PDB file of N, CA and C in Angstrom:
ATOM      1  N   MET A   1       3.945 -13.635  -3.439  1.00  0.00           N
ATOM      2  CA  MET A   1       5.151 -13.136  -2.927  1.00  0.00           C
ATOM      3  C   MET A   1       6.050 -13.908  -3.150  1.00  0.00           C
ATOM      4  N   ASN A   2       7.099 -13.200  -3.766  1.00  0.00           N
ATOM      5  CA  ASN A   2       8.522 -13.678  -4.304  1.00  0.00           C
ATOM      6  C   ASN A   2       8.126 -15.167  -4.911  1.00  0.00           C
ATOM      7  N   GLY A   3       7.533 -15.475  -5.759  1.00  0.00           N
ATOM      8  CA  GLY A   3       6.914 -16.613  -6.269  1.00  0.00           C
ATOM      9  C   GLY A   3       6.464 -17.858  -5.352  1.00  0.00           C
ATOM     10  N   GLY A   4       5.952 -17.470  -4.190  1.00  0.00           N
ATOM     11  CA  GLY A   4       5.448 -18.412  -3.359  1.00  0.00           C
ATOM     12  C   GLY A   4       3.820 -18.521  -3.644  1.00  0.00           C
ATOM     13  N   ALA A   5       3.235 -19.258  -2.875  1.00  0.00           N
ATOM     14  CA  ALA A   5       1.584 -19.525  -2.853  1.00  0.00           C
ATOM     15  C   ALA A   5       1.091 -18.210  -2.807  1.00  0.00           C
ATOM     16  N   ALA A   6       0.172 -17.931  -3.622  1.00  0.00           N
ATOM     17  CA  ALA A   6      -0.903 -16.846  -3.578  1.00  0.00           C
ATOM     18  C   ALA A   6      -1.726 -16.723  -2.339  1.00  0.00           C
ATOM     19  N   SER A   7      -2.057 -15.500  -1.807  1.00  0.00           N
ATOM     20  CA  SER A   7      -2.979 -15.433  -0.849  1.00  0.00           C
ATOM     21  C   SER A   7      -4.088 -14.394  -0.989  1.00  0.00           C
ATOM     22  N   ASN A   8      -5.181 -14.601  -0.588  1.00  0.00           N
ATOM     23  CA  ASN A   8      -6.230 -13.352  -1.047  1.00  0.00           C
ATOM     24  C   ASN A   8      -5.898 -11.886  -0.226  1.00  0.00           C
ATOM     25  N   PHE A   9      -6.473 -11.031  -0.850  1.00  0.00           N
ATOM     26  CA  PHE A   9      -6.075  -9.670  -0.346  1.00  0.00           C
ATOM     27  C   PHE A   9      -7.320  -8.780  -0.761  1.00  0.00           C
ATOM     28  N   TYR A  10      -8.264  -8.789   0.178  1.00  0.00           N
ATOM     29  CA  TYR A  10      -9.716  -8.093  -0.204  1.00  0.00           C
ATOM     30  C   TYR A  10      -9.712  -6.717   0.064  1.00  0.00           C
ATOM     31  N   VAL A  11     -10.254  -6.027  -0.931  1.00  0.00           N
ATOM     32  CA  VAL A  11     -10.537  -4.621  -0.916  1.00  0.00           C
ATOM     33  C   VAL A  11     -11.977  -4.437  -0.839  1.00  0.00           C
ATOM     34  N   ALA A  12     -12.391  -3.727   0.065  1.00  0.00           N
ATOM     35  CA  ALA A  12     -13.787  -3.472   0.724  1.00  0.00           C
ATOM     36  C   ALA A  12     -14.343  -2.176  -0.455  1.00  0.00           C
ATOM     37  N   TYR A  13     -15.454  -2.443  -1.077  1.00  0.00           N
ATOM     38  CA  TYR A  13     -16.049  -1.579  -1.883  1.00  0.00           C
ATOM     39  C   TYR A  13     -16.645  -0.270  -1.347  1.00  0.00           C
ATOM     40  N   SER A  14     -16.273   0.799  -1.380  1.00  0.00           N
ATOM     41  CA  SER A  14     -16.825   1.899  -0.836  1.00  0.00           C
ATOM     42  C   SER A  14     -17.450   2.945  -1.997  1.00  0.00           C
ATOM     43  N   GLY A  15     -17.811   2.395  -2.774  1.00  0.00           N
ATOM     44  CA  GLY A  15     -18.294   3.370  -3.760  1.00  0.00           C
ATOM     45  C   GLY A  15     -17.268   4.246  -4.889  1.00  0.00           C
ATOM     46  N   TRP A  16     -17.921   4.426  -5.890  1.00  0.00           N
ATOM     47  CA  TRP A  16     -16.924   5.155  -6.892  1.00  0.00           C
ATOM     48  C   TRP A  16     -16.591   6.570  -6.431  1.00  0.00           C
ATOM     49  N   ASN A  17     -15.192   6.934  -6.501  1.00  0.00           N
ATOM     50  CA  ASN A  17     -14.457   7.937  -6.066  1.00  0.00           C
ATOM     51  C   ASN A  17     -14.600   8.392  -4.614  1.00  0.00           C
ATOM     52  N   ASN A  18     -14.496   6.984  -3.668  1.00  0.00           N
ATOM     53  CA  ASN A  18     -14.326   7.028  -2.391  1.00  0.00           C
ATOM     54  C   ASN A  18     -13.123   6.058  -2.280  1.00  0.00           C
ATOM     55  N   TRP A  19     -12.496   6.693  -1.220  1.00  0.00           N
ATOM     56  CA  TRP A  19     -11.204   5.686  -1.011  1.00  0.00           C
ATOM     57  C   TRP A  19     -11.329   5.249   0.378  1.00  0.00           C
ATOM     58  N   GLY A  20     -10.577   4.084   0.361  1.00  0.00           N
ATOM     59  CA  GLY A  20     -10.559   3.391   1.580  1.00  0.00           C
ATOM     60  C   GLY A  20      -8.976   2.796   1.941  1.00  0.00           C
ATOM     61  N   THR A  21      -9.017   2.131   2.911  1.00  0.00           N
ATOM     62  CA  THR A  21      -7.668   1.431   3.260  1.00  0.00           C
ATOM     63  C   THR A  21      -7.848   0.001   3.626  1.00  0.00           C
ATOM     64  N   SER A  22      -6.915  -0.857   2.931  1.00  0.00           N
ATOM     65  CA  SER A  22      -7.032  -2.200   3.103  1.00  0.00           C
ATOM     66  C   SER A  22      -5.547  -2.617   3.709  1.00  0.00           C
ATOM     67  N   THR A  23      -5.401  -3.766   4.372  1.00  0.00           N
ATOM     68  CA  THR A  23      -4.049  -3.821   5.223  1.00  0.00           C
ATOM     69  C   THR A  23      -3.928  -5.401   5.023  1.00  0.00           C
ATOM     70  N   ALA A  24      -2.597  -5.690   4.970  1.00  0.00           N
ATOM     71  CA  ALA A  24      -2.343  -7.418   4.916  1.00  0.00           C
ATOM     72  C   ALA A  24      -0.988  -7.440   5.491  1.00  0.00           C
ATOM     73  N   LYS A  25      -0.611  -8.390   6.308  1.00  0.00           N
ATOM     74  CA  LYS A  25       0.582  -8.600   7.079  1.00  0.00           C
ATOM     75  C   LYS A  25       1.317  -9.533   6.178  1.00  0.00           C
ATOM     76  N   VAL A  26       2.489  -9.577   5.579  1.00  0.00           N
ATOM     77  CA  VAL A  26       3.172 -10.118   4.787  1.00  0.00           C
ATOM     78  C   VAL A  26       4.845 -10.217   5.288  1.00  0.00           C
ATOM     79  N   TYR A  27       5.526 -11.275   4.877  1.00  0.00           N
ATOM     80  CA  TYR A  27       6.645 -11.482   5.360  1.00  0.00           C
ATOM     81  C   TYR A  27       7.484 -11.307   4.014  1.00  0.00           C
ATOM     82  N   LEU A  28       8.737 -10.520   4.149  1.00  0.00           N
ATOM     83  CA  LEU A  28       9.747 -10.105   2.769  1.00  0.00           C
ATOM     84  C   LEU A  28      10.952 -10.860   3.535  1.00  0.00           C
ATOM     85  N   ASN A  29      11.312 -11.205   2.235  1.00  0.00           N
ATOM     86  CA  ASN A  29      12.820 -11.550   2.442  1.00  0.00           C
ATOM     87  C   ASN A  29      14.182 -10.268   2.495  1.00  0.00           C
ATOM     88  N   ALA A  30      14.998 -10.544   2.883  1.00  0.00           N
ATOM     89  CA  ALA A  30      15.969  -9.755   2.918  1.00  0.00           C
ATOM     90  C   ALA A  30      16.448  -9.032   1.513  1.00  0.00           C
ATOM     91  N   GLY A  31      16.579  -7.986   1.222  1.00  0.00           N
ATOM     92  CA  GLY A  31      16.946  -7.448  -0.269  1.00  0.00           C
ATOM     93  C   GLY A  31      15.824  -7.321  -0.963  1.00  0.00           C
ATOM     94  N   SER A  32      15.858  -7.774  -2.402  1.00  0.00           N
ATOM     95  CA  SER A  32      14.404  -7.538  -3.252  1.00  0.00           C
ATOM     96  C   SER A  32      13.482  -8.422  -3.175  1.00  0.00           C
ATOM     97  N   ASN A  33      12.187  -7.845  -3.310  1.00  0.00           N
ATOM     98  CA  ASN A  33      11.107  -8.596  -3.430  1.00  0.00           C
ATOM     99  C   ASN A  33      10.205  -8.532  -4.498  1.00  0.00           C
ATOM    100  N   THR A  34       9.564  -9.480  -4.696  1.00  0.00           N
ATOM    101  CA  THR A  34       8.166  -9.062  -5.791  1.00  0.00           C
ATOM    102  C   THR A  34       7.079  -9.371  -5.403  1.00  0.00           C
ATOM    103  N   VAL A  35       6.318  -8.691  -5.465  1.00  0.00           N
ATOM    104  CA  VAL A  35       4.896  -8.429  -5.001  1.00  0.00           C
ATOM    105  C   VAL A  35       3.835  -8.329  -6.285  1.00  0.00           C
ATOM    106  N   ARG A  36       3.045  -9.309  -6.295  1.00  0.00           N
ATOM    107  CA  ARG A  36       1.946  -9.018  -7.663  1.00  0.00           C
ATOM    108  C   ARG A  36       0.727  -9.087  -7.116  1.00  0.00           C
ATOM    109  N   PHE A  37      -0.169  -8.285  -7.922  1.00  0.00           N
ATOM    110  CA  PHE A  37      -1.546  -8.116  -7.416  1.00  0.00           C
ATOM    111  C   PHE A  37      -2.417  -8.780  -8.859  1.00  0.00           C
ATOM    112  N   THR A  38      -3.270  -9.713  -8.509  1.00  0.00           N
ATOM    113  CA  THR A  38      -3.923  -9.788  -9.718  1.00  0.00           C
ATOM    114  C   THR A  38      -5.501  -9.723  -9.318  1.00  0.00           C
ATOM    115  N   ARG A  39      -6.390  -9.268 -10.239  1.00  0.00           N
ATOM    116  CA  ARG A  39      -7.790  -9.479 -10.299  1.00  0.00           C
ATOM    117  C   ARG A  39      -8.450 -10.621 -10.442  1.00  0.00           C
ATOM    118  N   VAL A  40      -9.200 -10.952  -9.602  1.00  0.00           N
ATOM    119  CA  VAL A  40     -10.142 -12.081  -9.473  1.00  0.00           C
ATOM    120  C   VAL A  40     -11.413 -11.775 -10.021  1.00  0.00           C
ATOM    121  N   SER A  41     -12.158 -10.879  -9.386  1.00  0.00           N
ATOM    122  CA  SER A  41     -13.094 -10.182  -9.873  1.00  0.00           C
ATOM    123  C   SER A  41     -13.462  -8.750  -9.287  1.00  0.00           C
ATOM    124  N   ASN A  42     -14.178  -8.100 -10.251  1.00  0.00           N
ATOM    125  CA  ASN A  42     -14.203  -6.550 -10.026  1.00  0.00           C
ATOM    126  C   ASN A  42     -12.847  -6.025 -10.065  1.00  0.00           C
ATOM    127  N   TYR A  43     -12.763  -4.614  -9.560  1.00  0.00           N
ATOM    128  CA  TYR A  43     -11.555  -3.745 -10.059  1.00  0.00           C
ATOM    129  C   TYR A  43     -11.213  -3.130  -8.707  1.00  0.00           C
ATOM    130  N   ALA A  44      -9.899  -2.724  -8.477  1.00  0.00           N
ATOM    131  CA  ALA A  44      -9.529  -1.764  -7.736  1.00  0.00           C
ATOM    132  C   ALA A  44      -8.380  -0.810  -7.778  1.00  0.00           C
ATOM    133  N   GLU A  45      -8.184   0.400  -7.513  1.00  0.00           N
ATOM    134  CA  GLU A  45      -7.184   0.926  -7.817  1.00  0.00           C
ATOM    135  C   GLU A  45      -6.435   1.089  -6.676  1.00  0.00           C
ATOM    136  N   ILE A  46      -5.079   0.998  -6.871  1.00  0.00           N
ATOM    137  CA  ILE A  46      -4.250   0.970  -5.713  1.00  0.00           C
ATOM    138  C   ILE A  46      -3.246   2.326  -6.131  1.00  0.00           C
ATOM    139  N   ASP A  47      -3.642   3.187  -5.140  1.00  0.00           N
ATOM    140  CA  ASP A  47      -2.986   4.485  -5.201  1.00  0.00           C
ATOM    141  C   ASP A  47      -1.460   4.451  -4.452  1.00  0.00           C
ATOM    142  N   SER A  48      -1.209   3.530  -3.489  1.00  0.00           N
ATOM    143  CA  SER A  48       0.102   3.785  -2.707  1.00  0.00           C
ATOM    144  C   SER A  48      -0.081   2.384  -1.847  1.00  0.00           C
ATOM    145  N   LEU A  49       1.322   2.167  -1.732  1.00  0.00           N
ATOM    146  CA  LEU A  49       1.764   1.034  -1.037  1.00  0.00           C
ATOM    147  C   LEU A  49       2.670   1.382  -0.082  1.00  0.00           C
ATOM    148  N   ASP A  50       2.503   1.240   1.555  1.00  0.00           N
ATOM    149  CA  ASP A  50       3.326   1.678   2.254  1.00  0.00           C
ATOM    150  C   ASP A  50       3.846   0.228   2.944  1.00  0.00           C
ATOM    151  N   LEU A  51       4.984   0.284   3.359  1.00  0.00           N
ATOM    152  CA  LEU A  51       5.751  -0.786   4.018  1.00  0.00           C
ATOM    153  C   LEU A  51       6.402  -0.399   5.420  1.00  0.00           C
ATOM    154  N   PHE A  52       5.768  -1.091   6.521  1.00  0.00           N
ATOM    155  CA  PHE A  52       6.315  -0.953   7.692  1.00  0.00           C
ATOM    156  C   PHE A  52       7.015  -2.023   8.484  1.00  0.00           C
ATOM    157  N   PRO A  53       7.900  -2.058   9.177  1.00  0.00           N
ATOM    158  CA  PRO A  53       8.751  -3.104   9.674  1.00  0.00           C
ATOM    159  C   PRO A  53       7.846  -3.839  10.872  1.00  0.00           C
ATOM    160  N   SER A  54       8.002  -5.069  10.982  1.00  0.00           N
ATOM    161  CA  SER A  54       7.226  -5.574  12.305  1.00  0.00           C
ATOM    162  C   SER A  54       8.139  -5.310  13.580  1.00  0.00           C
ATOM    163  N   LEU A  55       7.311  -5.260  14.423  1.00  0.00           N
ATOM    164  CA  LEU A  55       7.841  -5.062  15.744  1.00  0.00           C
ATOM    165  C   LEU A  55       7.830  -6.036  16.628  1.00  0.00           C
TER     166      LEU A  55
END
């Protein structure tokens, strides 16, 4: 995130053509941010990314 240290984000395998949800709490800077996903093993398809403000 924004050139900082990497953190693991796990996606649960739910079978071919079965959709699931994974969540992560991240802290973004004010303004523009860069989020990068890198595959370590297996594959995951990301259909959407939703951002919500922390309360």
